[in-house]
Amino acid sequence: MIFSRRQLEYLLGEYVIHYHEERPHQGLGNRLISGEQGRSQGTIRRQTRLGGLLSFYDRVSG
């Protein structure tokens, strides 16, 4: 439940970051809108936003 405008702006900001920088898009050949692609080798790491409501995966070296 959203209780204030400030909270809504925070939630929307987090979602926009996730949508544009962390989520692959099928219409772009499963690439990111930002154009920055991650590594192809390394350990896969799960990261979350908004307390785990949004998840994304990337690779870390080592």
C-alpha atoms as a PDB file:
ATOM      1  CA  MET A   1       0.000   0.000   0.000  1.00  0.00           C
ATOM      2  CA  ILE A   2       1.320   3.427  -0.903  1.00  0.00           C
ATOM      3  CA  PHE A   3       0.810   6.098   1.745  1.00  0.00           C
ATOM      4  CA  SER A   4       2.442   9.219   0.351  1.00  0.00           C
ATOM      5  CA  ARG A   5       3.518  10.950  -2.822  1.00  0.00           C
ATOM      6  CA  ARG A   6       7.161  10.672  -1.771  1.00  0.00           C
ATOM      7  CA  GLN A   7       6.809   6.913  -1.426  1.00  0.00           C
ATOM      8  CA  LEU A   8       5.137   6.664  -4.843  1.00  0.00           C
ATOM      9  CA  GLU A   9       7.933   8.682  -6.469  1.00  0.00           C
ATOM     10  CA  TYR A  10      10.546   6.412  -4.871  1.00  0.00           C
ATOM     11  CA  LEU A  11       8.775   3.258  -6.083  1.00  0.00           C
ATOM     12  CA  LEU A  12       8.361   4.594  -9.611  1.00  0.00           C
ATOM     13  CA  GLY A  13      11.994   5.701  -9.741  1.00  0.00           C
ATOM     14  CA  GLU A  14      13.208   2.248  -8.706  1.00  0.00           C
ATOM     15  CA  TYR A  15      10.977   0.603 -11.308  1.00  0.00           C
ATOM     16  CA  VAL A  16      12.185   2.913 -14.095  1.00  0.00           C
ATOM     17  CA  ILE A  17      15.812   2.111 -13.251  1.00  0.00           C
ATOM     18  CA  HIS A  18      15.016  -1.601 -13.314  1.00  0.00           C
ATOM     19  CA  TYR A  19      13.070  -1.343 -16.578  1.00  0.00           C
ATOM     20  CA  HIS A  20      15.713   0.638 -18.473  1.00  0.00           C
ATOM     21  CA  GLU A  21      18.981  -0.681 -17.023  1.00  0.00           C
ATOM     22  CA  GLU A  22      18.447  -4.186 -15.646  1.00  0.00           C
ATOM     23  CA  ARG A  23      15.639  -5.906 -17.559  1.00  0.00           C
ATOM     24  CA  PRO A  24      16.264  -7.545 -20.953  1.00  0.00           C
ATOM     25  CA  HIS A  25      13.662  -6.742 -23.617  1.00  0.00           C
ATOM     26  CA  GLN A  26      12.479  -9.308 -26.169  1.00  0.00           C
ATOM     27  CA  GLY A  27      11.837  -6.618 -28.793  1.00  0.00           C
ATOM     28  CA  LEU A  28      15.532  -5.711 -28.626  1.00  0.00           C
ATOM     29  CA  GLY A  29      16.805  -9.275 -28.950  1.00  0.00           C
ATOM     30  CA  ASN A  30      16.921  -9.728 -25.156  1.00  0.00           C
ATOM     31  CA  ARG A  31      19.238  -6.770 -24.769  1.00  0.00           C
ATOM     32  CA  LEU A  32      19.050  -3.914 -22.301  1.00  0.00           C
ATOM     33  CA  ILE A  33      17.558  -0.568 -23.311  1.00  0.00           C
ATOM     34  CA  SER A  34      20.696   1.164 -21.984  1.00  0.00           C
ATOM     35  CA  GLY A  35      22.791  -0.870 -24.435  1.00  0.00           C
ATOM     36  CA  GLU A  36      25.257  -1.949 -21.739  1.00  0.00           C
ATOM     37  CA  GLN A  37      25.584  -5.719 -21.674  1.00  0.00           C
ATOM     38  CA  GLY A  38      27.055  -7.739 -18.859  1.00  0.00           C
ATOM     39  CA  ARG A  39      29.899 -10.230 -18.889  1.00  0.00           C
ATOM     40  CA  SER A  40      29.469 -13.618 -20.543  1.00  0.00           C
ATOM     41  CA  GLN A  41      31.583 -15.484 -17.955  1.00  0.00           C
ATOM     42  CA  GLY A  42      31.760 -15.506 -14.195  1.00  0.00           C
ATOM     43  CA  THR A  43      29.591 -16.391 -11.243  1.00  0.00           C
ATOM     44  CA  ILE A  44      25.914 -15.499 -11.605  1.00  0.00           C
ATOM     45  CA  ARG A  45      24.597 -13.185  -8.898  1.00  0.00           C
ATOM     46  CA  ARG A  46      20.978 -12.300  -8.145  1.00  0.00           C
ATOM     47  CA  GLN A  47      20.229  -8.729  -7.154  1.00  0.00           C
ATOM     48  CA  THR A  48      16.900  -7.308  -6.067  1.00  0.00           C
ATOM     49  CA  ARG A  49      15.049  -4.029  -5.843  1.00  0.00           C
ATOM     50  CA  LEU A  50      12.063  -3.062  -3.753  1.00  0.00           C
ATOM     51  CA  GLY A  51      12.587  -5.749  -1.146  1.00  0.00           C
ATOM     52  CA  GLY A  52      12.763  -8.573  -3.666  1.00  0.00           C
ATOM     53  CA  LEU A  53       9.751  -7.628  -5.792  1.00  0.00           C
ATOM     54  CA  LEU A  54      12.063  -6.991  -8.744  1.00  0.00           C
ATOM     55  CA  SER A  55      14.992  -9.335  -9.430  1.00  0.00           C
ATOM     56  CA  PHE A  56      17.771  -9.278 -11.975  1.00  0.00           C
ATOM     57  CA  TYR A  57      20.864 -11.340 -12.569  1.00  0.00           C
ATOM     58  CA  ASP A  58      24.389 -10.452 -13.610  1.00  0.00           C
ATOM     59  CA  ARG A  59      27.824 -12.033 -13.576  1.00  0.00           C
ATOM     60  CA  VAL A  60      30.744 -11.158 -11.362  1.00  0.00           C
ATOM     61  CA  SER A  61      34.347 -12.074 -12.061  1.00  0.00           C
ATOM     62  CA  GLY A  62      36.264 -14.274  -9.708  1.00  0.00           C
END
